[in-house]
């Protein structure tokens, strides 16, 4: 998976934060949508998200 492919997730979290919306709710929505994908894709995305988790913590996503 390309490193930049999850950047949209980060931008959505930033947008939610700066718009005064719930970052937690945005994460929950993204996770629900993620479950609609084939399980092998879900596994790849989750693995990539774990690697990126450190940088996402500053946006309150975890």
N, C-alpha and C. Protein backbone atom coordinates (compact mmCIF):
# COMPACT_ATOMS: atom_id res chain seq x y z
N UNK A 1 0.85 -1.18 0.00
CA UNK A 1 0.00 0.00 0.00
C UNK A 1 0.89 1.24 0.00
N UNK A 2 0.61 2.14 -0.87
CA UNK A 2 1.39 3.37 -0.94
C UNK A 2 1.23 4.17 0.34
N UNK A 3 2.34 4.73 0.78
CA UNK A 3 2.35 5.49 2.03
C UNK A 3 1.35 6.65 1.99
N UNK A 4 1.22 7.29 0.84
CA UNK A 4 0.34 8.45 0.73
C UNK A 4 -1.15 8.10 0.63
N UNK A 5 -1.47 6.83 0.46
CA UNK A 5 -2.87 6.46 0.24
C UNK A 5 -3.76 6.67 1.46
N UNK A 6 -3.17 6.76 2.64
CA UNK A 6 -3.97 7.02 3.84
C UNK A 6 -4.01 8.50 4.20
N UNK A 7 -3.39 9.32 3.40
CA UNK A 7 -3.36 10.75 3.69
C UNK A 7 -4.76 11.36 3.74
N UNK A 8 -5.67 10.85 2.95
CA UNK A 8 -7.05 11.35 2.97
C UNK A 8 -7.70 11.14 4.33
N UNK A 9 -7.35 10.04 4.98
CA UNK A 9 -7.86 9.77 6.32
C UNK A 9 -7.38 10.86 7.28
N UNK A 10 -6.10 11.18 7.21
CA UNK A 10 -5.54 12.21 8.08
C UNK A 10 -6.18 13.57 7.80
N UNK A 11 -6.36 13.90 6.54
CA UNK A 11 -6.99 15.18 6.19
C UNK A 11 -8.42 15.25 6.70
N UNK A 12 -9.14 14.15 6.63
CA UNK A 12 -10.51 14.14 7.15
C UNK A 12 -10.53 14.36 8.66
N UNK A 13 -9.57 13.76 9.35
CA UNK A 13 -9.48 13.97 10.80
C UNK A 13 -9.13 15.41 11.13
N UNK A 14 -8.20 15.96 10.38
CA UNK A 14 -7.83 17.36 10.59
C UNK A 14 -9.02 18.28 10.32
N UNK A 15 -9.75 18.00 9.25
CA UNK A 15 -10.92 18.82 8.90
C UNK A 15 -11.97 18.76 10.00
N UNK A 16 -12.20 17.56 10.52
CA UNK A 16 -13.17 17.42 11.61
C UNK A 16 -12.72 18.21 12.83
N UNK A 17 -11.44 18.10 13.16
CA UNK A 17 -10.91 18.82 14.32
C UNK A 17 -11.08 20.33 14.17
N UNK A 18 -10.65 20.86 13.02
CA UNK A 18 -10.69 22.31 12.81
C UNK A 18 -12.10 22.85 12.59
N UNK A 19 -13.02 21.98 12.23
CA UNK A 19 -14.42 22.40 12.06
C UNK A 19 -15.18 22.29 13.38
N UNK A 20 -14.49 21.84 14.42
CA UNK A 20 -15.15 21.71 15.72
C UNK A 20 -16.01 20.47 15.82
N UNK A 21 -15.83 19.55 14.90
CA UNK A 21 -16.58 18.30 14.91
C UNK A 21 -15.83 17.25 15.73
N UNK A 22 -16.47 16.15 15.99
CA UNK A 22 -15.88 15.09 16.78
C UNK A 22 -14.94 14.24 15.92
N UNK A 23 -13.68 14.23 16.31
CA UNK A 23 -12.70 13.41 15.61
C UNK A 23 -13.01 11.94 15.88
N UNK A 24 -13.47 11.64 17.08
CA UNK A 24 -13.83 10.27 17.42
C UNK A 24 -14.96 9.77 16.52
N UNK A 25 -15.97 10.59 16.30
CA UNK A 25 -17.08 10.19 15.43
C UNK A 25 -16.61 10.01 13.99
N UNK A 26 -15.69 10.86 13.54
CA UNK A 26 -15.13 10.71 12.19
C UNK A 26 -14.40 9.38 12.07
N UNK A 27 -13.61 9.02 13.08
CA UNK A 27 -12.91 7.73 13.08
C UNK A 27 -13.89 6.57 13.05
N UNK A 28 -14.94 6.68 13.84
CA UNK A 28 -15.95 5.62 13.87
C UNK A 28 -16.61 5.46 12.51
N UNK A 29 -16.92 6.57 11.86
CA UNK A 29 -17.55 6.53 10.54
C UNK A 29 -16.60 5.88 9.54
N UNK A 30 -15.33 6.29 9.57
CA UNK A 30 -14.35 5.71 8.66
C UNK A 30 -14.21 4.21 8.89
N UNK A 31 -14.20 3.79 10.14
CA UNK A 31 -14.07 2.37 10.45
C UNK A 31 -15.28 1.58 9.96
N UNK A 32 -16.47 2.15 10.07
CA UNK A 32 -17.67 1.48 9.55
C UNK A 32 -17.58 1.30 8.04
N UNK A 33 -17.13 2.33 7.35
CA UNK A 33 -16.99 2.26 5.90
C UNK A 33 -15.89 1.28 5.50
N UNK A 34 -14.84 1.22 6.29
CA UNK A 34 -13.75 0.29 6.03
C UNK A 34 -14.24 -1.15 6.02
N UNK A 35 -15.17 -1.46 6.88
CA UNK A 35 -15.68 -2.83 6.99
C UNK A 35 -16.48 -3.27 5.76
N UNK A 36 -16.80 -2.34 4.87
CA UNK A 36 -17.50 -2.68 3.64
C UNK A 36 -16.57 -3.24 2.56
N UNK A 37 -15.28 -3.08 2.79
CA UNK A 37 -14.28 -3.56 1.83
C UNK A 37 -13.99 -5.05 2.05
N UNK A 38 -13.39 -5.70 1.06
CA UNK A 38 -12.98 -7.10 1.25
C UNK A 38 -12.01 -7.22 2.42
N UNK A 39 -12.10 -8.34 3.12
CA UNK A 39 -11.32 -8.51 4.36
C UNK A 39 -9.82 -8.39 4.16
N UNK A 40 -9.29 -8.83 3.02
CA UNK A 40 -7.84 -8.71 2.81
C UNK A 40 -7.42 -7.25 2.65
N UNK A 41 -8.27 -6.44 2.08
CA UNK A 41 -8.00 -5.01 1.96
C UNK A 41 -8.08 -4.36 3.34
N UNK A 42 -9.09 -4.73 4.11
CA UNK A 42 -9.25 -4.19 5.46
C UNK A 42 -7.99 -4.46 6.28
N UNK A 43 -7.48 -5.67 6.18
CA UNK A 43 -6.28 -6.04 6.93
C UNK A 43 -5.08 -5.16 6.54
N UNK A 44 -4.90 -4.92 5.25
CA UNK A 44 -3.80 -4.06 4.79
C UNK A 44 -3.96 -2.64 5.30
N UNK A 45 -5.17 -2.12 5.23
CA UNK A 45 -5.41 -0.75 5.68
C UNK A 45 -5.17 -0.63 7.18
N UNK A 46 -5.65 -1.58 7.95
CA UNK A 46 -5.46 -1.54 9.40
C UNK A 46 -3.98 -1.61 9.75
N UNK A 47 -3.23 -2.47 9.07
CA UNK A 47 -1.79 -2.55 9.33
C UNK A 47 -1.11 -1.21 9.04
N UNK A 48 -1.48 -0.58 7.95
CA UNK A 48 -0.89 0.72 7.61
C UNK A 48 -1.29 1.78 8.62
N UNK A 49 -2.54 1.72 9.09
CA UNK A 49 -3.00 2.69 10.08
C UNK A 49 -2.24 2.55 11.39
N UNK A 50 -1.92 1.32 11.78
CA UNK A 50 -1.16 1.10 13.01
C UNK A 50 0.22 1.75 12.90
N UNK A 51 0.84 1.62 11.74
CA UNK A 51 2.15 2.23 11.52
C UNK A 51 2.05 3.76 11.63
N UNK A 52 0.96 4.31 11.12
CA UNK A 52 0.79 5.77 11.12
C UNK A 52 0.21 6.32 12.43
N UNK A 53 -0.16 5.46 13.33
CA UNK A 53 -0.88 5.87 14.54
C UNK A 53 -0.18 6.98 15.32
N UNK A 54 1.13 6.95 15.42
CA UNK A 54 1.85 7.96 16.19
C UNK A 54 1.56 9.36 15.69
N UNK A 55 1.60 9.56 14.39
CA UNK A 55 1.37 10.91 13.87
C UNK A 55 -0.10 11.30 13.99
N UNK A 56 -1.01 10.31 13.99
CA UNK A 56 -2.43 10.62 14.09
C UNK A 56 -2.85 10.97 15.50
N UNK A 57 -2.10 10.51 16.50
CA UNK A 57 -2.49 10.76 17.90
C UNK A 57 -2.59 12.25 18.19
N UNK A 58 -1.77 13.03 17.57
CA UNK A 58 -1.79 14.46 17.85
C UNK A 58 -3.09 15.12 17.37
N UNK A 59 -3.86 14.42 16.53
CA UNK A 59 -5.14 14.93 16.06
C UNK A 59 -6.30 14.37 16.87
N UNK A 60 -5.98 13.61 17.93
CA UNK A 60 -7.02 13.10 18.80
C UNK A 60 -7.81 11.96 18.22
N UNK A 61 -7.23 11.23 17.28
CA UNK A 61 -7.99 10.17 16.63
C UNK A 61 -7.96 8.86 17.39
N UNK A 62 -7.11 8.71 18.34
CA UNK A 62 -7.02 7.47 19.11
C UNK A 62 -7.11 7.76 20.58
